[in-house]
Amino acid sequence: MIDDEADMDWMMTKILRNAGYQVVTARTGAEGIAKFQRTSPRIHFMVLDMRLPDRNGLEVLKQIKTMAPRTEVLMVTAFGTPECRKRAKALGALELLDKPFRVEKVLKAARLAFDRKERR
């Protein structure tokens, strides 16, 4: 989970852990990429904010997909545009959800990511 908003980070961590997932969190793109590099073999699904304090989430998405193309990334944003959605999908994002979003959508994306992993 890479999101600079403390409330979002806390809420998503709690929801994902309650659903049985292990969660690694970061508040900036640089921190998220560094943690991903250390733990990438164990990360199969990521929630990534589009706007981070140090860089654009699309830049982070591109780096993550370069390092581990099979990692499923769910982008989230409060500022979604059709162009943004198109770029995120082109870079390999699973989906781009607008904040606020329903928790069920995140859990559905997580299940989809792990189902895909098991089929490989």
PDB file of N, CA and C in Angstrom:
ATOM      1  N   MET A   1       0.851  -1.172   0.000  1.00  0.00           N
ATOM      2  CA  MET A   1       0.000   0.000   0.000  1.00  0.00           C
ATOM      3  C   MET A   1       0.887   1.221   0.000  1.00  0.00           C
ATOM      4  N   ILE A   2       0.773   2.036  -1.052  1.00  0.00           N
ATOM      5  CA  ILE A   2       1.529   3.282  -1.109  1.00  0.00           C
ATOM      6  C   ILE A   2       0.518   4.419  -1.193  1.00  0.00           C
ATOM      7  N   ASP A   3       0.368   5.143  -0.089  1.00  0.00           N
ATOM      8  CA  ASP A   3      -0.561   6.269  -0.019  1.00  0.00           C
ATOM      9  C   ASP A   3      -0.067   7.222   1.057  1.00  0.00           C
ATOM     10  N   ASP A   4      -0.051   8.495   0.752  1.00  0.00           N
ATOM     11  CA  ASP A   4       0.466   9.479   1.703  1.00  0.00           C
ATOM     12  C   ASP A   4      -0.559   9.931   2.735  1.00  0.00           C
ATOM     13  N   GLU A   5      -1.817   9.555   2.574  1.00  0.00           N
ATOM     14  CA  GLU A   5      -2.847   9.950   3.522  1.00  0.00           C
ATOM     15  C   GLU A   5      -2.894   8.954   4.680  1.00  0.00           C
ATOM     16  N   ALA A   6      -2.629   9.430   5.886  1.00  0.00           N
ATOM     17  CA  ALA A   6      -2.569   8.562   7.062  1.00  0.00           C
ATOM     18  C   ALA A   6      -3.895   7.820   7.293  1.00  0.00           C
ATOM     19  N   ASP A   7      -5.015   8.512   7.129  1.00  0.00           N
ATOM     20  CA  ASP A   7      -6.320   7.872   7.359  1.00  0.00           C
ATOM     21  C   ASP A   7      -6.580   6.755   6.348  1.00  0.00           C
ATOM     22  N   MET A   8      -6.243   7.010   5.096  1.00  0.00           N
ATOM     23  CA  MET A   8      -6.434   5.996   4.050  1.00  0.00           C
ATOM     24  C   MET A   8      -5.526   4.799   4.322  1.00  0.00           C
ATOM     25  N   ASP A   9      -4.301   5.075   4.674  1.00  0.00           N
ATOM     26  CA  ASP A   9      -3.335   4.020   4.974  1.00  0.00           C
ATOM     27  C   ASP A   9      -3.836   3.150   6.133  1.00  0.00           C
ATOM     28  N   TRP A  10      -4.268   3.789   7.190  1.00  0.00           N
ATOM     29  CA  TRP A  10      -4.759   3.066   8.368  1.00  0.00           C
ATOM     30  C   TRP A  10      -5.979   2.213   8.008  1.00  0.00           C
ATOM     31  N   MET A  11      -6.948   2.826   7.315  1.00  0.00           N
ATOM     32  CA  MET A  11      -8.185   2.121   6.978  1.00  0.00           C
ATOM     33  C   MET A  11      -7.911   0.919   6.063  1.00  0.00           C
ATOM     34  N   MET A  12      -7.143   1.131   5.001  1.00  0.00           N
ATOM     35  CA  MET A  12      -6.884   0.047   4.052  1.00  0.00           C
ATOM     36  C   MET A  12      -6.056  -1.063   4.693  1.00  0.00           C
ATOM     37  N   THR A  13      -5.101  -0.707   5.525  1.00  0.00           N
ATOM     38  CA  THR A  13      -4.307  -1.717   6.221  1.00  0.00           C
ATOM     39  C   THR A  13      -5.206  -2.581   7.096  1.00  0.00           C
ATOM     40  N   LYS A  14      -6.089  -1.938   7.838  1.00  0.00           N
ATOM     41  CA  LYS A  14      -7.001  -2.678   8.716  1.00  0.00           C
ATOM     42  C   LYS A  14      -7.921  -3.596   7.907  1.00  0.00           C
ATOM     43  N   ILE A  15      -8.478  -3.092   6.837  1.00  0.00           N
ATOM     44  CA  ILE A  15      -9.399  -3.877   6.009  1.00  0.00           C
ATOM     45  C   ILE A  15      -8.685  -5.074   5.390  1.00  0.00           C
ATOM     46  N   LEU A  16      -7.528  -4.838   4.806  1.00  0.00           N
ATOM     47  CA  LEU A  16      -6.797  -5.924   4.146  1.00  0.00           C
ATOM     48  C   LEU A  16      -6.297  -6.961   5.153  1.00  0.00           C
ATOM     49  N   ARG A  17      -5.821  -6.506   6.304  1.00  0.00           N
ATOM     50  CA  ARG A  17      -5.370  -7.464   7.329  1.00  0.00           C
ATOM     51  C   ARG A  17      -6.545  -8.278   7.861  1.00  0.00           C
ATOM     52  N   ASN A  18      -7.686  -7.634   8.061  1.00  0.00           N
ATOM     53  CA  ASN A  18      -8.868  -8.368   8.526  1.00  0.00           C
ATOM     54  C   ASN A  18      -9.326  -9.395   7.502  1.00  0.00           C
ATOM     55  N   ALA A  19      -9.012  -9.156   6.232  1.00  0.00           N
ATOM     56  CA  ALA A  19      -9.371 -10.105   5.173  1.00  0.00           C
ATOM     57  C   ALA A  19      -8.314 -11.194   5.012  1.00  0.00           C
ATOM     58  N   GLY A  20      -7.247 -11.125   5.825  1.00  0.00           N
ATOM     59  CA  GLY A  20      -6.241 -12.176   5.811  1.00  0.00           C
ATOM     60  C   GLY A  20      -4.980 -11.881   5.011  1.00  0.00           C
ATOM     61  N   TYR A  21      -4.851 -10.649   4.521  1.00  0.00           N
ATOM     62  CA  TYR A  21      -3.678 -10.296   3.736  1.00  0.00           C
ATOM     63  C   TYR A  21      -2.598  -9.671   4.626  1.00  0.00           C
ATOM     64  N   GLN A  22      -1.356  -9.915   4.268  1.00  0.00           N
ATOM     65  CA  GLN A  22      -0.242  -9.217   4.912  1.00  0.00           C
ATOM     66  C   GLN A  22      -0.080  -7.887   4.193  1.00  0.00           C
ATOM     67  N   VAL A  23       0.227  -6.838   4.933  1.00  0.00           N
ATOM     68  CA  VAL A  23       0.280  -5.502   4.352  1.00  0.00           C
ATOM     69  C   VAL A  23       1.614  -4.832   4.669  1.00  0.00           C
ATOM     70  N   VAL A  24       2.206  -4.259   3.639  1.00  0.00           N
ATOM     71  CA  VAL A  24       3.401  -3.427   3.774  1.00  0.00           C
ATOM     72  C   VAL A  24       2.969  -2.039   3.332  1.00  0.00           C
ATOM     73  N   THR A  25       3.310  -1.014   4.113  1.00  0.00           N
ATOM     74  CA  THR A  25       2.860   0.330   3.773  1.00  0.00           C
ATOM     75  C   THR A  25       4.029   1.272   3.529  1.00  0.00           C
ATOM     76  N   ALA A  26       3.750   2.302   2.726  1.00  0.00           N
ATOM     77  CA  ALA A  26       4.722   3.358   2.456  1.00  0.00           C
ATOM     78  C   ALA A  26       3.942   4.645   2.210  1.00  0.00           C
ATOM     79  N   ARG A  27       4.566   5.767   2.513  1.00  0.00           N
ATOM     80  CA  ARG A  27       3.901   7.067   2.369  1.00  0.00           C
ATOM     81  C   ARG A  27       4.371   7.857   1.154  1.00  0.00           C
ATOM     82  N   THR A  28       5.494   7.461   0.553  1.00  0.00           N
ATOM     83  CA  THR A  28       6.009   8.159  -0.630  1.00  0.00           C
ATOM     84  C   THR A  28       6.336   7.136  -1.712  1.00  0.00           C
ATOM     85  N   GLY A  29       6.482   7.629  -2.914  1.00  0.00           N
ATOM     86  CA  GLY A  29       6.869   6.746  -4.006  1.00  0.00           C
ATOM     87  C   GLY A  29       8.224   6.115  -3.777  1.00  0.00           C
ATOM     88  N   ALA A  30       9.187   6.923  -3.334  1.00  0.00           N
ATOM     89  CA  ALA A  30      10.545   6.414  -3.099  1.00  0.00           C
ATOM     90  C   ALA A  30      10.545   5.337  -2.019  1.00  0.00           C
ATOM     91  N   GLU A  31       9.835   5.584  -0.927  1.00  0.00           N
ATOM     92  CA  GLU A  31       9.763   4.595   0.152  1.00  0.00           C
ATOM     93  C   GLU A  31       9.080   3.319  -0.344  1.00  0.00           C
ATOM     94  N   GLY A  32       8.013   3.472  -1.121  1.00  0.00           N
ATOM     95  CA  GLY A  32       7.300   2.321  -1.645  1.00  0.00           C
ATOM     96  C   GLY A  32       8.152   1.478  -2.580  1.00  0.00           C
ATOM     97  N   ILE A  33       8.900   2.132  -3.455  1.00  0.00           N
ATOM     98  CA  ILE A  33       9.774   1.405  -4.385  1.00  0.00           C
ATOM     99  C   ILE A  33      10.879   0.688  -3.615  1.00  0.00           C
ATOM    100  N   ALA A  34      11.464   1.357  -2.627  1.00  0.00           N
ATOM    101  CA  ALA A  34      12.521   0.722  -1.827  1.00  0.00           C
ATOM    102  C   ALA A  34      11.989  -0.506  -1.087  1.00  0.00           C
ATOM    103  N   LYS A  35      10.827  -0.388  -0.480  1.00  0.00           N
ATOM    104  CA  LYS A  35      10.239  -1.537   0.224  1.00  0.00           C
ATOM    105  C   LYS A  35       9.872  -2.639  -0.757  1.00  0.00           C
ATOM    106  N   PHE A  36       9.382  -2.254  -1.928  1.00  0.00           N
ATOM    107  CA  PHE A  36       9.036  -3.251  -2.938  1.00  0.00           C
ATOM    108  C   PHE A  36      10.273  -4.020  -3.389  1.00  0.00           C
ATOM    109  N   GLN A  37      11.365  -3.336  -3.587  1.00  0.00           N
ATOM    110  CA  GLN A  37      12.605  -3.998  -4.006  1.00  0.00           C
ATOM    111  C   GLN A  37      13.061  -5.027  -2.977  1.00  0.00           C
ATOM    112  N   ARG A  38      12.870  -4.721  -1.694  1.00  0.00           N
ATOM    113  CA  ARG A  38      13.280  -5.643  -0.629  1.00  0.00           C
ATOM    114  C   ARG A  38      12.334  -6.833  -0.477  1.00  0.00           C
ATOM    115  N   THR A  39      11.065  -6.639  -0.822  1.00  0.00           N
ATOM    116  CA  THR A  39      10.072  -7.681  -0.539  1.00  0.00           C
ATOM    117  C   THR A  39       9.304  -8.149  -1.768  1.00  0.00           C
ATOM    118  N   SER A  40       9.707  -7.751  -2.958  1.00  0.00           N
ATOM    119  CA  SER A  40       8.904  -7.995  -4.170  1.00  0.00           C
ATOM    120  C   SER A  40       8.502  -9.450  -4.416  1.00  0.00           C
ATOM    121  N   PRO A  41       9.325 -10.443  -4.096  1.00  0.00           N
ATOM    122  CA  PRO A  41       8.841 -11.805  -4.367  1.00  0.00           C
ATOM    123  C   PRO A  41       7.573 -12.157  -3.584  1.00  0.00           C
ATOM    124  N   ARG A  42       7.336 -11.460  -2.475  1.00  0.00           N
ATOM    125  CA  ARG A  42       6.157 -11.756  -1.651  1.00  0.00           C
ATOM    126  C   ARG A  42       4.979 -10.832  -1.938  1.00  0.00           C
ATOM    127  N   ILE A  43       5.171  -9.827  -2.779  1.00  0.00           N
ATOM    128  CA  ILE A  43       4.095  -8.873  -3.057  1.00  0.00           C
ATOM    129  C   ILE A  43       3.439  -9.235  -4.381  1.00  0.00           C
ATOM    130  N   HIS A  44       2.141  -9.539  -4.312  1.00  0.00           N
ATOM    131  CA  HIS A  44       1.392  -9.928  -5.503  1.00  0.00           C
ATOM    132  C   HIS A  44       0.326  -8.905  -5.867  1.00  0.00           C
ATOM    133  N   PHE A  45       0.025  -8.016  -4.914  1.00  0.00           N
ATOM    134  CA  PHE A  45      -1.042  -7.034  -5.101  1.00  0.00           C
ATOM    135  C   PHE A  45      -0.647  -5.756  -4.394  1.00  0.00           C
ATOM    136  N   MET A  46      -0.895  -4.631  -5.050  1.00  0.00           N
ATOM    137  CA  MET A  46      -0.527  -3.346  -4.468  1.00  0.00           C
ATOM    138  C   MET A  46      -1.653  -2.344  -4.691  1.00  0.00           C
ATOM    139  N   VAL A  47      -1.912  -1.543  -3.666  1.00  0.00           N
ATOM    140  CA  VAL A  47      -2.806  -0.398  -3.793  1.00  0.00           C
ATOM    141  C   VAL A  47      -1.893   0.821  -3.853  1.00  0.00           C
ATOM    142  N   LEU A  48      -2.034   1.613  -4.904  1.00  0.00           N
ATOM    143  CA  LEU A  48      -1.116   2.725  -5.167  1.00  0.00           C
ATOM    144  C   LEU A  48      -1.899   3.997  -5.450  1.00  0.00           C
ATOM    145  N   ASP A  49      -1.623   5.034  -4.679  1.00  0.00           N
ATOM    146  CA  ASP A  49      -2.263   6.330  -4.877  1.00  0.00           C
ATOM    147  C   ASP A  49      -1.667   7.013  -6.106  1.00  0.00           C
ATOM    148  N   MET A  50      -2.504   7.715  -6.817  1.00  0.00           N
ATOM    149  CA  MET A  50      -2.060   8.404  -8.019  1.00  0.00           C
ATOM    150  C   MET A  50      -1.187   9.622  -7.692  1.00  0.00           C
ATOM    151  N   ARG A  51      -1.511  10.317  -6.603  1.00  0.00           N
ATOM    152  CA  ARG A  51      -0.760  11.521  -6.235  1.00  0.00           C
ATOM    153  C   ARG A  51      -0.004  11.269  -4.936  1.00  0.00           C
ATOM    154  N   LEU A  52       1.301  11.312  -5.048  1.00  0.00           N
ATOM    155  CA  LEU A  52       2.177  11.132  -3.891  1.00  0.00           C
ATOM    156  C   LEU A  52       3.018  12.392  -3.714  1.00  0.00           C
ATOM    157  N   PRO A  53       3.550  12.612  -2.527  1.00  0.00           N
ATOM    158  CA  PRO A  53       4.276  13.863  -2.298  1.00  0.00           C
ATOM    159  C   PRO A  53       5.559  14.006  -3.115  1.00  0.00           C
ATOM    160  N   ASP A  54       6.176  12.904  -3.481  1.00  0.00           N
ATOM    161  CA  ASP A  54       7.465  13.002  -4.172  1.00  0.00           C
ATOM    162  C   ASP A  54       7.420  12.666  -5.650  1.00  0.00           C
ATOM    163  N   ARG A  55       6.329  12.055  -6.115  1.00  0.00           N
ATOM    164  CA  ARG A  55       6.231  11.719  -7.541  1.00  0.00           C
ATOM    165  C   ARG A  55       4.826  11.283  -7.889  1.00  0.00           C
ATOM    166  N   ASN A  56       4.577  11.214  -9.169  1.00  0.00           N
ATOM    167  CA  ASN A  56       3.297  10.789  -9.691  1.00  0.00           C
ATOM    168  C   ASN A  56       3.173   9.281  -9.545  1.00  0.00           C
ATOM    169  N   GLY A  57       1.998   8.807  -9.159  1.00  0.00           N
ATOM    170  CA  GLY A  57       1.778   7.379  -9.006  1.00  0.00           C
ATOM    171  C   GLY A  57       2.009   6.593 -10.283  1.00  0.00           C
ATOM    172  N   LEU A  58       1.783   7.219 -11.437  1.00  0.00           N
ATOM    173  CA  LEU A  58       2.032   6.532 -12.707  1.00  0.00           C
ATOM    174  C   LEU A  58       3.514   6.220 -12.890  1.00  0.00           C
ATOM    175  N   GLU A  59       4.381   7.103 -12.396  1.00  0.00           N
ATOM    176  CA  GLU A  59       5.828   6.837 -12.446  1.00  0.00           C
ATOM    177  C   GLU A  59       6.171   5.624 -11.579  1.00  0.00           C
ATOM    178  N   VAL A  60       5.551   5.559 -10.403  1.00  0.00           N
ATOM    179  CA  VAL A  60       5.776   4.428  -9.504  1.00  0.00           C
ATOM    180  C   VAL A  60       5.246   3.148 -10.148  1.00  0.00           C
ATOM    181  N   LEU A  61       4.062   3.225 -10.730  1.00  0.00           N
ATOM    182  CA  LEU A  61       3.471   2.068 -11.419  1.00  0.00           C
ATOM    183  C   LEU A  61       4.419   1.544 -12.494  1.00  0.00           C
ATOM    184  N   LYS A  62       4.954   2.434 -13.279  1.00  0.00           N
ATOM    185  CA  LYS A  62       5.867   2.037 -14.358  1.00  0.00           C
ATOM    186  C   LYS A  62       7.092   1.319 -13.797  1.00  0.00           C
ATOM    187  N   GLN A  63       7.659   1.832 -12.712  1.00  0.00           N
ATOM    188  CA  GLN A  63       8.830   1.194 -12.095  1.00  0.00           C
ATOM    189  C   GLN A  63       8.479  -0.174 -11.517  1.00  0.00           C
ATOM    190  N   ILE A  64       7.340  -0.263 -10.844  1.00  0.00           N
ATOM    191  CA  ILE A  64       6.915  -1.543 -10.261  1.00  0.00           C
ATOM    192  C   ILE A  64       6.723  -2.580 -11.355  1.00  0.00           C
ATOM    193  N   LYS A  65       6.045  -2.196 -12.427  1.00  0.00           N
ATOM    194  CA  LYS A  65       5.780  -3.130 -13.519  1.00  0.00           C
ATOM    195  C   LYS A  65       7.068  -3.522 -14.251  1.00  0.00           C
ATOM    196  N   THR A  66       8.051  -2.649 -14.278  1.00  0.00           N
ATOM    197  CA  THR A  66       9.343  -2.986 -14.884  1.00  0.00           C
ATOM    198  C   THR A  66      10.065  -4.021 -14.031  1.00  0.00           C
ATOM    199  N   MET A  67      10.014  -3.848 -12.714  1.00  0.00           N
ATOM    200  CA  MET A  67      10.683  -4.773 -11.802  1.00  0.00           C
ATOM    201  C   MET A  67       9.956  -6.111 -11.696  1.00  0.00           C
ATOM    202  N   ALA A  68       8.629  -6.061 -11.678  1.00  0.00           N
ATOM    203  CA  ALA A  68       7.829  -7.282 -11.458  1.00  0.00           C
ATOM    204  C   ALA A  68       6.528  -7.172 -12.256  1.00  0.00           C
ATOM    205  N   PRO A  69       6.572  -7.506 -13.530  1.00  0.00           N
ATOM    206  CA  PRO A  69       5.401  -7.328 -14.400  1.00  0.00           C
ATOM    207  C   PRO A  69       4.131  -8.042 -13.941  1.00  0.00           C
ATOM    208  N   ARG A  70       4.276  -9.098 -13.167  1.00  0.00           N
ATOM    209  CA  ARG A  70       3.089  -9.859 -12.733  1.00  0.00           C
ATOM    210  C   ARG A  70       2.441  -9.318 -11.469  1.00  0.00           C
ATOM    211  N   THR A  71       3.044  -8.340 -10.843  1.00  0.00           N
ATOM    212  CA  THR A  71       2.434  -7.729  -9.667  1.00  0.00           C
ATOM    213  C   THR A  71       1.214  -6.942 -10.110  1.00  0.00           C
ATOM    214  N   GLU A  72       0.080  -7.220  -9.500  1.00  0.00           N
ATOM    215  CA  GLU A  72      -1.162  -6.524  -9.829  1.00  0.00           C
ATOM    216  C   GLU A  72      -1.235  -5.234  -9.013  1.00  0.00           C
ATOM    217  N   VAL A  73      -1.514  -4.127  -9.686  1.00  0.00           N
ATOM    218  CA  VAL A  73      -1.539  -2.824  -9.029  1.00  0.00           C
ATOM    219  C   VAL A  73      -2.904  -2.176  -9.218  1.00  0.00           C
ATOM    220  N   LEU A  74      -3.547  -1.870  -8.101  1.00  0.00           N
ATOM    221  CA  LEU A  74      -4.809  -1.145  -8.095  1.00  0.00           C
ATOM    222  C   LEU A  74      -4.483   0.312  -7.801  1.00  0.00           C
ATOM    223  N   MET A  75      -4.760   1.187  -8.740  1.00  0.00           N
ATOM    224  CA  MET A  75      -4.524   2.614  -8.539  1.00  0.00           C
ATOM    225  C   MET A  75      -5.765   3.233  -7.899  1.00  0.00           C
ATOM    226  N   VAL A  76      -5.543   4.210  -7.020  1.00  0.00           N
ATOM    227  CA  VAL A  76      -6.646   4.949  -6.406  1.00  0.00           C
ATOM    228  C   VAL A  76      -6.342   6.439  -6.516  1.00  0.00           C
ATOM    229  N   THR A  77      -7.403   7.241  -6.661  1.00  0.00           N
ATOM    230  CA  THR A  77      -7.202   8.676  -6.784  1.00  0.00           C
ATOM    231  C   THR A  77      -8.464   9.444  -6.425  1.00  0.00           C
ATOM    232  N   ALA A  78      -8.274  10.658  -5.989  1.00  0.00           N
ATOM    233  CA  ALA A  78      -9.389  11.575  -5.774  1.00  0.00           C
ATOM    234  C   ALA A  78      -9.531  12.493  -6.985  1.00  0.00           C
ATOM    235  N   PHE A  79      -8.633  12.352  -7.950  1.00  0.00           N
ATOM    236  CA  PHE A  79      -8.580  13.265  -9.088  1.00  0.00           C
ATOM    237  C   PHE A  79      -8.560  12.519 -10.417  1.00  0.00           C
ATOM    238  N   GLY A  80      -9.401  11.505 -10.574  1.00  0.00           N
ATOM    239  CA  GLY A  80      -9.393  10.683 -11.781  1.00  0.00           C
ATOM    240  C   GLY A  80      -9.976  11.396 -12.990  1.00  0.00           C
ATOM    241  N   THR A  81      -9.339  11.205 -14.107  1.00  0.00           N
ATOM    242  CA  THR A  81      -9.827  11.713 -15.388  1.00  0.00           C
ATOM    243  C   THR A  81      -9.803  10.551 -16.374  1.00  0.00           C
ATOM    244  N   PRO A  82     -10.549  10.661 -17.464  1.00  0.00           N
ATOM    245  CA  PRO A  82     -10.491   9.594 -18.467  1.00  0.00           C
ATOM    246  C   PRO A  82      -9.064   9.359 -18.988  1.00  0.00           C
ATOM    247  N   GLU A  83      -8.309  10.425 -19.176  1.00  0.00           N
ATOM    248  CA  GLU A  83      -6.922  10.290 -19.646  1.00  0.00           C
ATOM    249  C   GLU A  83      -6.066   9.559 -18.618  1.00  0.00           C
ATOM    250  N   CYS A  84      -6.269   9.881 -17.365  1.00  0.00           N
ATOM    251  CA  CYS A  84      -5.542   9.231 -16.269  1.00  0.00           C
ATOM    252  C   CYS A  84      -5.835   7.725 -16.250  1.00  0.00           C
ATOM    253  N   ARG A  85      -7.092   7.372 -16.386  1.00  0.00           N
ATOM    254  CA  ARG A  85      -7.510   5.971 -16.421  1.00  0.00           C
ATOM    255  C   ARG A  85      -6.852   5.233 -17.581  1.00  0.00           C
ATOM    256  N   LYS A  86      -6.867   5.886 -18.719  1.00  0.00           N
ATOM    257  CA  LYS A  86      -6.295   5.303 -19.928  1.00  0.00           C
ATOM    258  C   LYS A  86      -4.790   5.049 -19.753  1.00  0.00           C
ATOM    259  N   ARG A  87      -4.089   6.015 -19.185  1.00  0.00           N
ATOM    260  CA  ARG A  87      -2.650   5.865 -18.972  1.00  0.00           C
ATOM    261  C   ARG A  87      -2.349   4.780 -17.951  1.00  0.00           C
ATOM    262  N   ALA A  88      -3.130   4.727 -16.877  1.00  0.00           N
ATOM    263  CA  ALA A  88      -2.914   3.706 -15.849  1.00  0.00           C
ATOM    264  C   ALA A  88      -3.106   2.309 -16.439  1.00  0.00           C
ATOM    265  N   LYS A  89      -4.161   2.122 -17.207  1.00  0.00           N
ATOM    266  CA  LYS A  89      -4.412   0.818 -17.839  1.00  0.00           C
ATOM    267  C   LYS A  89      -3.301   0.467 -18.823  1.00  0.00           C
ATOM    268  N   ALA A  90      -2.845   1.458 -19.604  1.00  0.00           N
ATOM    269  CA  ALA A  90      -1.779   1.225 -20.581  1.00  0.00           C
ATOM    270  C   ALA A  90      -0.479   0.803 -19.905  1.00  0.00           C
ATOM    271  N   LEU A  91      -0.252   1.290 -18.685  1.00  0.00           N
ATOM    272  CA  LEU A  91       0.956   0.933 -17.939  1.00  0.00           C
ATOM    273  C   LEU A  91       0.792  -0.368 -17.154  1.00  0.00           C
ATOM    274  N   GLY A  92      -0.404  -0.953 -17.194  1.00  0.00           N
ATOM    275  CA  GLY A  92      -0.594  -2.252 -16.566  1.00  0.00           C
ATOM    276  C   GLY A  92      -1.379  -2.268 -15.278  1.00  0.00           C
ATOM    277  N   ALA A  93      -2.009  -1.156 -14.906  1.00  0.00           N
ATOM    278  CA  ALA A  93      -2.819  -1.151 -13.687  1.00  0.00           C
ATOM    279  C   ALA A  93      -4.027  -2.061 -13.843  1.00  0.00           C
ATOM    280  N   LEU A  94      -4.373  -2.729 -12.773  1.00  0.00           N
ATOM    281  CA  LEU A  94      -5.555  -3.588 -12.744  1.00  0.00           C
ATOM    282  C   LEU A  94      -6.803  -2.741 -12.958  1.00  0.00           C
ATOM    283  N   GLU A  95      -6.844  -1.609 -12.267  1.00  0.00           N
ATOM    284  CA  GLU A  95      -7.990  -0.699 -12.334  1.00  0.00           C
ATOM    285  C   GLU A  95      -7.594   0.608 -11.666  1.00  0.00           C
ATOM    286  N   LEU A  96      -8.356   1.668 -11.924  1.00  0.00           N
ATOM    287  CA  LEU A  96      -8.181   2.940 -11.244  1.00  0.00           C
ATOM    288  C   LEU A  96      -9.498   3.267 -10.556  1.00  0.00           C
ATOM    289  N   LEU A  97      -9.488   3.263  -9.217  1.00  0.00           N
ATOM    290  CA  LEU A  97     -10.692   3.569  -8.439  1.00  0.00           C
ATOM    291  C   LEU A  97     -10.660   5.017  -7.983  1.00  0.00           C
ATOM    292  N   ASP A  98     -11.819   5.657  -8.030  1.00  0.00           N
ATOM    293  CA  ASP A  98     -11.943   7.023  -7.526  1.00  0.00           C
ATOM    294  C   ASP A  98     -12.223   6.999  -6.037  1.00  0.00           C
ATOM    295  N   LYS A  99     -11.515   7.846  -5.290  1.00  0.00           N
ATOM    296  CA  LYS A  99     -11.793   8.019  -3.858  1.00  0.00           C
ATOM    297  C   LYS A  99     -12.986   8.959  -3.733  1.00  0.00           C
ATOM    298  N   PRO A 100     -13.867   8.735  -2.828  1.00  0.00           N
ATOM    299  CA  PRO A 100     -13.947   7.558  -1.973  1.00  0.00           C
ATOM    300  C   PRO A 100     -14.479   6.365  -2.776  1.00  0.00           C
ATOM    301  N   PHE A 101     -14.064   5.188  -2.375  1.00  0.00           N
ATOM    302  CA  PHE A 101     -14.488   3.977  -3.068  1.00  0.00           C
ATOM    303  C   PHE A 101     -15.040   2.989  -2.057  1.00  0.00           C
ATOM    304  N   ARG A 102     -15.742   2.014  -2.573  1.00  0.00           N
ATOM    305  CA  ARG A 102     -16.316   0.981  -1.712  1.00  0.00           C
ATOM    306  C   ARG A 102     -15.230  -0.044  -1.386  1.00  0.00           C
ATOM    307  N   VAL A 103     -15.164  -0.438  -0.150  1.00  0.00           N
ATOM    308  CA  VAL A 103     -14.184  -1.415   0.319  1.00  0.00           C
ATOM    309  C   VAL A 103     -14.289  -2.708  -0.475  1.00  0.00           C
ATOM    310  N   GLU A 104     -15.494  -3.084  -0.817  1.00  0.00           N
ATOM    311  CA  GLU A 104     -15.703  -4.322  -1.568  1.00  0.00           C
ATOM    312  C   GLU A 104     -14.932  -4.329  -2.884  1.00  0.00           C
ATOM    313  N   LYS A 105     -14.789  -3.158  -3.506  1.00  0.00           N
ATOM    314  CA  LYS A 105     -14.063  -3.088  -4.777  1.00  0.00           C
ATOM    315  C   LYS A 105     -12.583  -3.405  -4.581  1.00  0.00           C
ATOM    316  N   VAL A 106     -12.015  -2.939  -3.482  1.00  0.00           N
ATOM    317  CA  VAL A 106     -10.603  -3.232  -3.202  1.00  0.00           C
ATOM    318  C   VAL A 106     -10.430  -4.711  -2.894  1.00  0.00           C
ATOM    319  N   LEU A 107     -11.316  -5.270  -2.088  1.00  0.00           N
ATOM    320  CA  LEU A 107     -11.220  -6.692  -1.757  1.00  0.00           C
ATOM    321  C   LEU A 107     -11.432  -7.555  -2.995  1.00  0.00           C
ATOM    322  N   LYS A 108     -12.325  -7.146  -3.880  1.00  0.00           N
ATOM    323  CA  LYS A 108     -12.536  -7.874  -5.132  1.00  0.00           C
ATOM    324  C   LYS A 108     -11.263  -7.835  -5.987  1.00  0.00           C
ATOM    325  N   ALA A 109     -10.619  -6.675  -6.059  1.00  0.00           N
ATOM    326  CA  ALA A 109      -9.372  -6.554  -6.824  1.00  0.00           C
ATOM    327  C   ALA A 109      -8.275  -7.420  -6.209  1.00  0.00           C
ATOM    328  N   ALA A 110      -8.205  -7.465  -4.886  1.00  0.00           N
ATOM    329  CA  ALA A 110      -7.201  -8.299  -4.215  1.00  0.00           C
ATOM    330  C   ALA A 110      -7.447  -9.770  -4.527  1.00  0.00           C
ATOM    331  N   ARG A 111      -8.697 -10.210  -4.453  1.00  0.00           N
ATOM    332  CA  ARG A 111      -9.023 -11.603  -4.780  1.00  0.00           C
ATOM    333  C   ARG A 111      -8.671 -11.923  -6.228  1.00  0.00           C
ATOM    334  N   LEU A 112      -8.978 -11.010  -7.134  1.00  0.00           N
ATOM    335  CA  LEU A 112      -8.649 -11.199  -8.541  1.00  0.00           C
ATOM    336  C   LEU A 112      -7.135 -11.343  -8.736  1.00  0.00           C
ATOM    337  N   ALA A 113      -6.368 -10.492  -8.061  1.00  0.00           N
ATOM    338  CA  ALA A 113      -4.903 -10.557  -8.166  1.00  0.00           C
ATOM    339  C   ALA A 113      -4.380 -11.909  -7.694  1.00  0.00           C
ATOM    340  N   PHE A 114      -4.881 -12.397  -6.580  1.00  0.00           N
ATOM    341  CA  PHE A 114      -4.400 -13.672  -6.053  1.00  0.00           C
ATOM    342  C   PHE A 114      -4.916 -14.853  -6.877  1.00  0.00           C
ATOM    343  N   ASP A 115      -6.103 -14.730  -7.447  1.00  0.00           N
ATOM    344  CA  ASP A 115      -6.597 -15.777  -8.360  1.00  0.00           C
ATOM    345  C   ASP A 115      -5.706 -15.873  -9.591  1.00  0.00           C
ATOM    346  N   ARG A 116      -5.326 -14.731 -10.130  1.00  0.00           N
ATOM    347  CA  ARG A 116      -4.439 -14.729 -11.296  1.00  0.00           C
ATOM    348  C   ARG A 116      -3.088 -15.359 -10.966  1.00  0.00           C
ATOM    349  N   LYS A 117      -2.582 -15.051  -9.781  1.00  0.00           N
ATOM    350  CA  LYS A 117      -1.302 -15.595  -9.350  1.00  0.00           C
ATOM    351  C   LYS A 117      -1.361 -17.134  -9.303  1.00  0.00           C
ATOM    352  N   GLU A 118      -2.449 -17.654  -8.755  1.00  0.00           N
ATOM    353  CA  GLU A 118      -2.590 -19.106  -8.616  1.00  0.00           C
ATOM    354  C   GLU A 118      -2.721 -19.795  -9.957  1.00  0.00           C
ATOM    355  N   ARG A 119      -3.248 -19.110 -10.954  1.00  0.00           N
ATOM    356  CA  ARG A 119      -3.405 -19.716 -12.285  1.00  0.00           C
ATOM    357  C   ARG A 119      -2.101 -19.738 -13.090  1.00  0.00           C
ATOM    358  N   ARG A 120      -1.108 -19.003 -12.647  1.00  0.00           N
ATOM    359  CA  ARG A 120       0.164 -18.953 -13.402  1.00  0.00           C
ATOM    360  C   ARG A 120       1.013 -20.142 -13.096  1.00  0.00           C
TER     361      ARG A 120
END
